[in-house]
């Protein structure tokens, strides 16, 4: 039996959250690239971490 979860976030709250997250994310990406990783490696690593965290929040299997 499959269960589906739905997330409802207002556009305004999402925009506000992005405004807070974006500068730190840009700093993180620059820092990791400066450590010798390619932009592609950084993107993949961040995407996997976000997928794992998202899976925890909605209680679904993580993507590897």
N, C-alpha and C. Protein backbone atom coordinates (compact mmCIF):
# COMPACT_ATOMS: atom_id res chain seq x y z
N UNK A 1 0.84 -1.18 0.00
CA UNK A 1 0.00 0.00 0.00
C UNK A 1 0.89 1.24 0.00
N UNK A 2 0.66 2.11 -0.94
CA UNK A 2 1.46 3.33 -1.03
C UNK A 2 0.72 4.49 -0.39
N UNK A 3 1.47 5.32 0.31
CA UNK A 3 0.90 6.53 0.88
C UNK A 3 1.54 7.72 0.20
N UNK A 4 0.74 8.70 -0.13
CA UNK A 4 1.26 9.90 -0.77
C UNK A 4 1.12 11.06 0.20
N UNK A 5 2.16 11.86 0.23
CA UNK A 5 2.16 13.02 1.11
C UNK A 5 2.11 14.27 0.26
N UNK A 6 1.42 15.25 0.76
CA UNK A 6 1.30 16.52 0.05
C UNK A 6 1.85 17.63 0.94
N UNK A 7 2.63 18.50 0.36
CA UNK A 7 3.14 19.66 1.07
C UNK A 7 2.51 20.91 0.48
N UNK A 8 1.99 21.74 1.33
CA UNK A 8 1.42 23.01 0.88
C UNK A 8 2.20 24.14 1.53
N UNK A 9 2.84 24.93 0.71
CA UNK A 9 3.61 26.07 1.19
C UNK A 9 3.18 27.27 0.36
N UNK A 10 2.87 28.36 1.04
CA UNK A 10 2.43 29.54 0.30
C UNK A 10 3.58 30.11 -0.52
N UNK A 11 3.24 30.72 -1.63
CA UNK A 11 4.25 31.34 -2.49
C UNK A 11 5.05 32.39 -1.73
N UNK A 12 4.37 33.16 -0.91
CA UNK A 12 5.03 34.22 -0.16
C UNK A 12 6.04 33.65 0.84
N UNK A 13 5.65 32.61 1.57
CA UNK A 13 6.57 32.00 2.54
C UNK A 13 7.74 31.33 1.83
N UNK A 14 7.47 30.71 0.70
CA UNK A 14 8.53 30.07 -0.06
C UNK A 14 9.53 31.12 -0.55
N UNK A 15 9.04 32.22 -1.06
CA UNK A 15 9.91 33.30 -1.52
C UNK A 15 10.74 33.86 -0.37
N UNK A 16 10.11 34.07 0.78
CA UNK A 16 10.83 34.57 1.96
C UNK A 16 11.92 33.58 2.38
N UNK A 17 11.60 32.31 2.37
CA UNK A 17 12.57 31.29 2.76
C UNK A 17 13.74 31.27 1.78
N UNK A 18 13.45 31.34 0.51
CA UNK A 18 14.52 31.36 -0.50
C UNK A 18 15.44 32.55 -0.31
N UNK A 19 14.86 33.69 0.03
CA UNK A 19 15.66 34.90 0.26
C UNK A 19 16.64 34.70 1.42
N UNK A 20 16.25 33.91 2.40
CA UNK A 20 17.13 33.65 3.55
C UNK A 20 18.17 32.59 3.20
N UNK A 21 17.77 31.55 2.48
CA UNK A 21 18.65 30.42 2.19
C UNK A 21 19.67 30.76 1.09
N UNK A 22 19.28 31.50 0.10
CA UNK A 22 20.12 31.71 -1.08
C UNK A 22 21.51 32.27 -0.79
N UNK A 23 21.66 33.31 0.01
CA UNK A 23 23.03 33.82 0.24
C UNK A 23 23.94 32.78 0.89
N UNK A 24 23.42 32.04 1.86
CA UNK A 24 24.23 31.01 2.51
C UNK A 24 24.57 29.88 1.54
N UNK A 25 23.62 29.53 0.70
CA UNK A 25 23.86 28.48 -0.28
C UNK A 25 24.94 28.92 -1.27
N UNK A 26 24.87 30.16 -1.74
CA UNK A 26 25.89 30.66 -2.66
C UNK A 26 27.26 30.67 -2.01
N UNK A 27 27.33 31.06 -0.74
CA UNK A 27 28.60 31.03 -0.01
C UNK A 27 29.13 29.61 0.12
N UNK A 28 28.24 28.68 0.42
CA UNK A 28 28.63 27.27 0.54
C UNK A 28 29.18 26.76 -0.79
N UNK A 29 28.49 27.01 -1.87
CA UNK A 29 28.93 26.54 -3.19
C UNK A 29 30.30 27.11 -3.53
N UNK A 30 30.50 28.41 -3.32
CA UNK A 30 31.80 29.03 -3.61
C UNK A 30 32.90 28.41 -2.75
N UNK A 31 32.61 28.18 -1.49
CA UNK A 31 33.59 27.60 -0.57
C UNK A 31 33.99 26.19 -0.98
N UNK A 32 33.01 25.38 -1.37
CA UNK A 32 33.30 24.00 -1.75
C UNK A 32 34.06 23.97 -3.08
N UNK A 33 33.70 24.83 -4.01
CA UNK A 33 34.44 24.92 -5.28
C UNK A 33 35.87 25.35 -5.01
N UNK A 34 36.07 26.29 -4.09
CA UNK A 34 37.42 26.74 -3.74
C UNK A 34 38.23 25.62 -3.09
N UNK A 35 37.54 24.62 -2.54
CA UNK A 35 38.23 23.47 -1.93
C UNK A 35 38.67 22.46 -2.97
N UNK A 36 38.33 22.71 -4.23
CA UNK A 36 38.81 21.84 -5.31
C UNK A 36 37.76 20.98 -5.98
N UNK A 37 36.51 21.13 -5.61
CA UNK A 37 35.46 20.34 -6.25
C UNK A 37 34.87 21.11 -7.42
N UNK A 38 34.40 20.38 -8.43
CA UNK A 38 33.80 21.02 -9.59
C UNK A 38 32.38 21.47 -9.26
N UNK A 39 31.87 22.44 -10.02
CA UNK A 39 30.48 22.86 -9.80
C UNK A 39 29.50 21.69 -9.92
N UNK A 40 29.78 20.77 -10.84
CA UNK A 40 28.90 19.62 -11.01
C UNK A 40 28.91 18.73 -9.77
N UNK A 41 30.10 18.51 -9.20
CA UNK A 41 30.19 17.69 -7.99
C UNK A 41 29.44 18.34 -6.83
N UNK A 42 29.57 19.65 -6.73
CA UNK A 42 28.87 20.38 -5.66
C UNK A 42 27.36 20.26 -5.84
N UNK A 43 26.89 20.46 -7.06
CA UNK A 43 25.46 20.37 -7.34
C UNK A 43 24.92 18.99 -7.00
N UNK A 44 25.63 17.95 -7.40
CA UNK A 44 25.18 16.59 -7.13
C UNK A 44 25.17 16.32 -5.62
N UNK A 45 26.22 16.71 -4.93
CA UNK A 45 26.30 16.48 -3.49
C UNK A 45 25.17 17.20 -2.76
N UNK A 46 24.94 18.46 -3.10
CA UNK A 46 23.87 19.22 -2.45
C UNK A 46 22.51 18.61 -2.78
N UNK A 47 22.31 18.22 -4.02
CA UNK A 47 21.03 17.61 -4.42
C UNK A 47 20.76 16.33 -3.65
N UNK A 48 21.79 15.49 -3.49
CA UNK A 48 21.61 14.25 -2.74
C UNK A 48 21.30 14.52 -1.27
N UNK A 49 22.00 15.49 -0.68
CA UNK A 49 21.74 15.82 0.72
C UNK A 49 20.32 16.36 0.91
N UNK A 50 19.89 17.19 -0.01
CA UNK A 50 18.53 17.74 0.07
C UNK A 50 17.51 16.61 -0.09
N UNK A 51 17.74 15.70 -1.03
CA UNK A 51 16.81 14.58 -1.23
C UNK A 51 16.72 13.72 0.02
N UNK A 52 17.86 13.47 0.68
CA UNK A 52 17.85 12.68 1.91
C UNK A 52 17.10 13.40 3.03
N UNK A 53 17.35 14.70 3.17
CA UNK A 53 16.65 15.47 4.20
C UNK A 53 15.15 15.54 3.91
N UNK A 54 14.78 15.71 2.66
CA UNK A 54 13.38 15.78 2.27
C UNK A 54 12.70 14.45 2.56
N UNK A 55 13.39 13.35 2.26
CA UNK A 55 12.83 12.03 2.52
C UNK A 55 12.56 11.83 4.00
N UNK A 56 13.43 12.36 4.84
CA UNK A 56 13.24 12.26 6.28
C UNK A 56 12.02 13.05 6.73
N UNK A 57 11.84 14.22 6.16
CA UNK A 57 10.71 15.08 6.54
C UNK A 57 9.39 14.44 6.16
N UNK A 58 9.30 13.88 4.97
CA UNK A 58 8.04 13.30 4.52
C UNK A 58 7.98 11.78 4.73
N UNK A 59 9.00 11.22 5.40
CA UNK A 59 9.05 9.80 5.74
C UNK A 59 8.93 8.89 4.52
N UNK A 60 9.74 9.18 3.51
CA UNK A 60 9.80 8.34 2.33
C UNK A 60 11.23 7.82 2.18
N UNK A 61 11.43 6.78 1.39
CA UNK A 61 12.79 6.28 1.19
C UNK A 61 13.67 7.35 0.56
N UNK A 62 14.94 7.37 0.93
CA UNK A 62 15.86 8.36 0.36
C UNK A 62 16.34 7.90 -1.00
N UNK A 63 16.82 8.84 -1.79
CA UNK A 63 17.33 8.58 -3.13
C UNK A 63 18.85 8.54 -3.05
N UNK A 64 19.46 7.49 -3.61
CA UNK A 64 20.93 7.38 -3.61
C UNK A 64 21.43 7.20 -5.02
